[in-house]
Structures are given as C-alpha cells and as structure tokens.
Amino acid sequence: MIEALRLANALLAPVMPSVHASINDRLGLEPCCSWKEDLSWDHRLSGKKLGEKTILFPRDV
C-alpha cells in the first residue's frame, strides 16, 4: 500500500510540487531527477519508518 502512495505522489509532482515535496519528506525519500523516472514499482520504502503525521490539506474555517 505504501508503494502505491509513493507512485501516486510521483504523479502529483508536476501539478502540486509543494504537496509532493511534503509527502516525500514524510516518506523519507530524496527528490528524484524526474517525476517520470519515479514511476516504477520498486521496494525503496522497504523497512523505512514513516515521518510524523501531518495534515496535507488543512480546512479553512
């Protein structure tokens, strides 16, 4: 499931770069060269601990 999140996050890079960077931060990933190169299924998150939970899209009240 975490790998699917990583791939979905790679698709966010061109349209929501700040959200993409924030998710990468939480996943403990370094920025990749190109978002297209990041779209391959792999095991780079195996055994990693996730960062602290945060709200990506806070509600304006």
PDB file of N, CA and C in Angstrom:
ATOM      1  N   MET A   1       0.819  -1.183   0.000  1.00  0.00           N
ATOM      2  CA  MET A   1       0.000   0.000   0.000  1.00  0.00           C
ATOM      3  C   MET A   1       0.875   1.264   0.000  1.00  0.00           C
ATOM      4  N   ILE A   2       1.966   1.237   0.724  1.00  0.00           N
ATOM      5  CA  ILE A   2       2.837   2.410   0.793  1.00  0.00           C
ATOM      6  C   ILE A   2       3.497   2.683  -0.560  1.00  0.00           C
ATOM      7  N   GLU A   3       3.753   1.625  -1.314  1.00  0.00           N
ATOM      8  CA  GLU A   3       4.340   1.800  -2.646  1.00  0.00           C
ATOM      9  C   GLU A   3       3.333   2.481  -3.581  1.00  0.00           C
ATOM     10  N   ALA A   4       2.060   2.141  -3.449  1.00  0.00           N
ATOM     11  CA  ALA A   4       1.016   2.797  -4.251  1.00  0.00           C
ATOM     12  C   ALA A   4       0.940   4.284  -3.900  1.00  0.00           C
ATOM     13  N   LEU A   5       1.086   4.611  -2.628  1.00  0.00           N
ATOM     14  CA  LEU A   5       1.099   6.012  -2.207  1.00  0.00           C
ATOM     15  C   LEU A   5       2.299   6.741  -2.808  1.00  0.00           C
ATOM     16  N   ARG A   6       3.445   6.079  -2.822  1.00  0.00           N
ATOM     17  CA  ARG A   6       4.646   6.692  -3.400  1.00  0.00           C
ATOM     18  C   ARG A   6       4.444   6.974  -4.889  1.00  0.00           C
ATOM     19  N   LEU A   7       3.834   6.021  -5.601  1.00  0.00           N
ATOM     20  CA  LEU A   7       3.592   6.213  -7.033  1.00  0.00           C
ATOM     21  C   LEU A   7       2.569   7.321  -7.287  1.00  0.00           C
ATOM     22  N   ALA A   8       1.499   7.348  -6.490  1.00  0.00           N
ATOM     23  CA  ALA A   8       0.501   8.418  -6.625  1.00  0.00           C
ATOM     24  C   ALA A   8       1.149   9.770  -6.344  1.00  0.00           C
ATOM     25  N   ASN A   9       2.036   9.798  -5.384  1.00  0.00           N
ATOM     26  CA  ASN A   9       2.746  11.032  -5.060  1.00  0.00           C
ATOM     27  C   ASN A   9       3.629  11.480  -6.224  1.00  0.00           C
ATOM     28  N   ALA A  10       4.231  10.545  -6.928  1.00  0.00           N
ATOM     29  CA  ALA A  10       5.057  10.900  -8.088  1.00  0.00           C
ATOM     30  C   ALA A  10       4.210  11.599  -9.150  1.00  0.00           C
ATOM     31  N   LEU A  11       2.948  11.196  -9.275  1.00  0.00           N
ATOM     32  CA  LEU A  11       2.059  11.826 -10.250  1.00  0.00           C
ATOM     33  C   LEU A  11       1.657  13.243  -9.830  1.00  0.00           C
ATOM     34  N   LEU A  12       1.754  13.540  -8.547  1.00  0.00           N
ATOM     35  CA  LEU A  12       1.431  14.886  -8.058  1.00  0.00           C
ATOM     36  C   LEU A  12       2.529  15.908  -8.370  1.00  0.00           C
ATOM     37  N   ALA A  13       3.732  15.446  -8.589  1.00  0.00           N
ATOM     38  CA  ALA A  13       4.889  16.340  -8.738  1.00  0.00           C
ATOM     39  C   ALA A  13       4.679  17.474  -9.742  1.00  0.00           C
ATOM     40  N   PRO A  14       4.171  17.211 -10.943  1.00  0.00           N
ATOM     41  CA  PRO A  14       4.049  18.311 -11.905  1.00  0.00           C
ATOM     42  C   PRO A  14       2.956  19.324 -11.562  1.00  0.00           C
ATOM     43  N   VAL A  15       1.917  18.903 -10.852  1.00  0.00           N
ATOM     44  CA  VAL A  15       0.780  19.797 -10.610  1.00  0.00           C
ATOM     45  C   VAL A  15       0.718  20.355  -9.189  1.00  0.00           C
ATOM     46  N   MET A  16       1.302  19.658  -8.231  1.00  0.00           N
ATOM     47  CA  MET A  16       1.302  20.105  -6.834  1.00  0.00           C
ATOM     48  C   MET A  16       2.678  19.860  -6.227  1.00  0.00           C
ATOM     49  N   PRO A  17       3.691  20.594  -6.680  1.00  0.00           N
ATOM     50  CA  PRO A  17       5.059  20.318  -6.231  1.00  0.00           C
ATOM     51  C   PRO A  17       5.271  20.453  -4.728  1.00  0.00           C
ATOM     52  N   SER A  18       4.587  21.379  -4.079  1.00  0.00           N
ATOM     53  CA  SER A  18       4.802  21.539  -2.636  1.00  0.00           C
ATOM     54  C   SER A  18       4.203  20.372  -1.853  1.00  0.00           C
ATOM     55  N   VAL A  19       3.049  19.868  -2.298  1.00  0.00           N
ATOM     56  CA  VAL A  19       2.444  18.697  -1.651  1.00  0.00           C
ATOM     57  C   VAL A  19       3.323  17.475  -1.904  1.00  0.00           C
ATOM     58  N   HIS A  20       3.819  17.352  -3.118  1.00  0.00           N
ATOM     59  CA  HIS A  20       4.720  16.252  -3.477  1.00  0.00           C
ATOM     60  C   HIS A  20       5.951  16.251  -2.563  1.00  0.00           C
ATOM     61  N   ALA A  21       6.538  17.424  -2.368  1.00  0.00           N
ATOM     62  CA  ALA A  21       7.722  17.536  -1.509  1.00  0.00           C
ATOM     63  C   ALA A  21       7.387  17.189  -0.064  1.00  0.00           C
ATOM     64  N   SER A  22       6.222  17.607   0.393  1.00  0.00           N
ATOM     65  CA  SER A  22       5.807  17.319   1.768  1.00  0.00           C
ATOM     66  C   SER A  22       5.617  15.818   1.992  1.00  0.00           C
ATOM     67  N   ILE A  23       4.997  15.149   1.030  1.00  0.00           N
ATOM     68  CA  ILE A  23       4.796  13.699   1.147  1.00  0.00           C
ATOM     69  C   ILE A  23       6.141  12.985   1.083  1.00  0.00           C
ATOM     70  N   ASN A  24       7.023  13.416   0.183  1.00  0.00           N
ATOM     71  CA  ASN A  24       8.364  12.820   0.114  1.00  0.00           C
ATOM     72  C   ASN A  24       9.078  12.943   1.450  1.00  0.00           C
ATOM     73  N   ASP A  25       8.917  14.094   2.073  1.00  0.00           N
ATOM     74  CA  ASP A  25       9.505  14.331   3.394  1.00  0.00           C
ATOM     75  C   ASP A  25       9.008  13.304   4.403  1.00  0.00           C
ATOM     76  N   ARG A  26       7.709  13.086   4.430  1.00  0.00           N
ATOM     77  CA  ARG A  26       7.105  12.146   5.388  1.00  0.00           C
ATOM     78  C   ARG A  26       7.506  10.709   5.099  1.00  0.00           C
ATOM     79  N   LEU A  27       7.711  10.402   3.808  1.00  0.00           N
ATOM     80  CA  LEU A  27       8.111   9.046   3.433  1.00  0.00           C
ATOM     81  C   LEU A  27       9.614   8.834   3.570  1.00  0.00           C
ATOM     82  N   GLY A  28      10.354   9.904   3.799  1.00  0.00           N
ATOM     83  CA  GLY A  28      11.804   9.795   3.934  1.00  0.00           C
ATOM     84  C   GLY A  28      12.510   9.588   2.610  1.00  0.00           C
ATOM     85  N   LEU A  29      11.948  10.153   1.543  1.00  0.00           N
ATOM     86  CA  LEU A  29      12.524   9.994   0.208  1.00  0.00           C
ATOM     87  C   LEU A  29      13.251  11.254  -0.228  1.00  0.00           C
ATOM     88  N   GLU A  30      14.340  11.061  -0.936  1.00  0.00           N
ATOM     89  CA  GLU A  30      15.061  12.176  -1.538  1.00  0.00           C
ATOM     90  C   GLU A  30      14.376  12.512  -2.862  1.00  0.00           C
ATOM     91  N   PRO A  31      14.419  13.769  -3.284  1.00  0.00           N
ATOM     92  CA  PRO A  31      13.825  14.115  -4.582  1.00  0.00           C
ATOM     93  C   PRO A  31      14.520  13.367  -5.715  1.00  0.00           C
ATOM     94  N   CYS A  32      13.734  12.898  -6.650  1.00  0.00           N
ATOM     95  CA  CYS A  32      14.274  12.176  -7.811  1.00  0.00           C
ATOM     96  C   CYS A  32      14.534  13.178  -8.944  1.00  0.00           C
ATOM     97  N   CYS A  33      15.276  12.751  -9.935  1.00  0.00           N
ATOM     98  CA  CYS A  33      15.624  13.627 -11.059  1.00  0.00           C
ATOM     99  C   CYS A  33      14.381  14.091 -11.817  1.00  0.00           C
ATOM    100  N   SER A  34      13.521  13.177 -12.149  1.00  0.00           N
ATOM    101  CA  SER A  34      12.333  13.495 -12.938  1.00  0.00           C
ATOM    102  C   SER A  34      11.162  12.686 -12.407  1.00  0.00           C
ATOM    103  N   TRP A  35       9.980  13.294 -12.377  1.00  0.00           N
ATOM    104  CA  TRP A  35       8.813  12.571 -11.862  1.00  0.00           C
ATOM    105  C   TRP A  35       8.506  11.355 -12.724  1.00  0.00           C
ATOM    106  N   LYS A  36       8.827  11.409 -14.029  1.00  0.00           N
ATOM    107  CA  LYS A  36       8.572  10.260 -14.910  1.00  0.00           C
ATOM    108  C   LYS A  36       9.472   9.079 -14.538  1.00  0.00           C
ATOM    109  N   GLU A  37      10.700   9.372 -14.138  1.00  0.00           N
ATOM    110  CA  GLU A  37      11.635   8.311 -13.749  1.00  0.00           C
ATOM    111  C   GLU A  37      11.236   7.670 -12.427  1.00  0.00           C
ATOM    112  N   ASP A  38      10.412   8.357 -11.660  1.00  0.00           N
ATOM    113  CA  ASP A  38       9.983   7.869 -10.349  1.00  0.00           C
ATOM    114  C   ASP A  38       8.782   6.922 -10.446  1.00  0.00           C
ATOM    115  N   LEU A  39       8.257   6.715 -11.665  1.00  0.00           N
ATOM    116  CA  LEU A  39       7.041   5.922 -11.841  1.00  0.00           C
ATOM    117  C   LEU A  39       7.316   4.446 -12.110  1.00  0.00           C
ATOM    118  N   SER A  40       8.171   3.846 -11.348  1.00  0.00           N
ATOM    119  CA  SER A  40       8.392   2.404 -11.476  1.00  0.00           C
ATOM    120  C   SER A  40       8.203   1.758 -10.112  1.00  0.00           C
ATOM    121  N   TRP A  41       7.555   0.605 -10.124  1.00  0.00           N
ATOM    122  CA  TRP A  41       7.287  -0.129  -8.886  1.00  0.00           C
ATOM    123  C   TRP A  41       8.609  -0.686  -8.379  1.00  0.00           C
ATOM    124  N   ASP A  42       8.949  -0.376  -7.149  1.00  0.00           N
ATOM    125  CA  ASP A  42      10.165  -0.937  -6.562  1.00  0.00           C
ATOM    126  C   ASP A  42       9.984  -1.063  -5.055  1.00  0.00           C
ATOM    127  N   HIS A  43      11.066  -1.303  -4.361  1.00  0.00           N
ATOM    128  CA  HIS A  43      10.988  -1.546  -2.917  1.00  0.00           C
ATOM    129  C   HIS A  43      11.825  -0.536  -2.138  1.00  0.00           C
ATOM    130  N   ARG A  44      11.913   0.689  -2.629  1.00  0.00           N
ATOM    131  CA  ARG A  44      12.760   1.681  -1.955  1.00  0.00           C
ATOM    132  C   ARG A  44      12.237   2.082  -0.584  1.00  0.00           C
ATOM    133  N   LEU A  45      10.961   1.780  -0.288  1.00  0.00           N
ATOM    134  CA  LEU A  45      10.414   2.112   1.028  1.00  0.00           C
ATOM    135  C   LEU A  45      10.457   0.930   1.995  1.00  0.00           C
ATOM    136  N   SER A  46      10.966  -0.202   1.549  1.00  0.00           N
ATOM    137  CA  SER A  46      11.046  -1.385   2.412  1.00  0.00           C
ATOM    138  C   SER A  46      11.861  -1.103   3.658  1.00  0.00           C
ATOM    139  N   GLY A  47      11.264  -1.353   4.806  1.00  0.00           N
ATOM    140  CA  GLY A  47      11.958  -1.207   6.068  1.00  0.00           C
ATOM    141  C   GLY A  47      12.125   0.217   6.570  1.00  0.00           C
ATOM    142  N   LYS A  48      11.607   1.200   5.851  1.00  0.00           N
ATOM    143  CA  LYS A  48      11.726   2.597   6.298  1.00  0.00           C
ATOM    144  C   LYS A  48      10.624   2.938   7.281  1.00  0.00           C
ATOM    145  N   LYS A  49      10.942   3.830   8.193  1.00  0.00           N
ATOM    146  CA  LYS A  49       9.932   4.345   9.119  1.00  0.00           C
ATOM    147  C   LYS A  49       9.360   5.622   8.525  1.00  0.00           C
ATOM    148  N   LEU A  50       8.051   5.786   8.685  1.00  0.00           N
ATOM    149  CA  LEU A  50       7.393   6.978   8.166  1.00  0.00           C
ATOM    150  C   LEU A  50       7.600   8.147   9.107  1.00  0.00           C
ATOM    151  N   GLY A  51       7.564   9.348   8.550  1.00  0.00           N
ATOM    152  CA  GLY A  51       7.688  10.557   9.355  1.00  0.00           C
ATOM    153  C   GLY A  51       6.412  10.828  10.130  1.00  0.00           C
ATOM    154  N   GLU A  52       6.428  11.911  10.862  1.00  0.00           N
ATOM    155  CA  GLU A  52       5.290  12.299  11.689  1.00  0.00           C
ATOM    156  C   GLU A  52       4.066  12.610  10.819  1.00  0.00           C
ATOM    157  N   LYS A  53       2.880  12.230  11.317  1.00  0.00           N
ATOM    158  CA  LYS A  53       1.646  12.506  10.582  1.00  0.00           C
ATOM    159  C   LYS A  53       1.373  14.003  10.578  1.00  0.00           C
ATOM    160  N   THR A  54       0.945  14.498   9.429  1.00  0.00           N
ATOM    161  CA  THR A  54       0.551  15.899   9.314  1.00  0.00           C
ATOM    162  C   THR A  54      -0.673  15.988   8.415  1.00  0.00           C
ATOM    163  N   ILE A  55      -1.337  17.114   8.474  1.00  0.00           N
ATOM    164  CA  ILE A  55      -2.489  17.355   7.615  1.00  0.00           C
ATOM    165  C   ILE A  55      -1.981  18.045   6.352  1.00  0.00           C
ATOM    166  N   LEU A  56      -2.161  17.401   5.201  1.00  0.00           N
ATOM    167  CA  LEU A  56      -1.674  17.968   3.947  1.00  0.00           C
ATOM    168  C   LEU A  56      -2.566  19.090   3.436  1.00  0.00           C
ATOM    169  N   PHE A  57      -3.866  18.942   3.634  1.00  0.00           N
ATOM    170  CA  PHE A  57      -4.826  19.923   3.141  1.00  0.00           C
ATOM    171  C   PHE A  57      -5.682  20.411   4.303  1.00  0.00           C
ATOM    172  N   PRO A  58      -5.194  21.384   5.076  1.00  0.00           N
ATOM    173  CA  PRO A  58      -5.962  21.864   6.230  1.00  0.00           C
ATOM    174  C   PRO A  58      -7.249  22.557   5.782  1.00  0.00           C
ATOM    175  N   ARG A  59      -8.265  22.398   6.598  1.00  0.00           N
ATOM    176  CA  ARG A  59      -9.562  23.009   6.316  1.00  0.00           C
ATOM    177  C   ARG A  59      -9.559  24.457   6.773  1.00  0.00           C
ATOM    178  N   ASP A  60     -10.004  25.334   5.915  1.00  0.00           N
ATOM    179  CA  ASP A  60     -10.182  26.736   6.308  1.00  0.00           C
ATOM    180  C   ASP A  60     -11.586  26.890   6.862  1.00  0.00           C
ATOM    181  N   VAL A  61     -11.672  27.365   8.078  1.00  0.00           N
ATOM    182  CA  VAL A  61     -12.981  27.502   8.719  1.00  0.00           C
ATOM    183  C   VAL A  61     -13.388  28.949   8.762  1.00  0.00           C
TER     184      VAL A  61
END
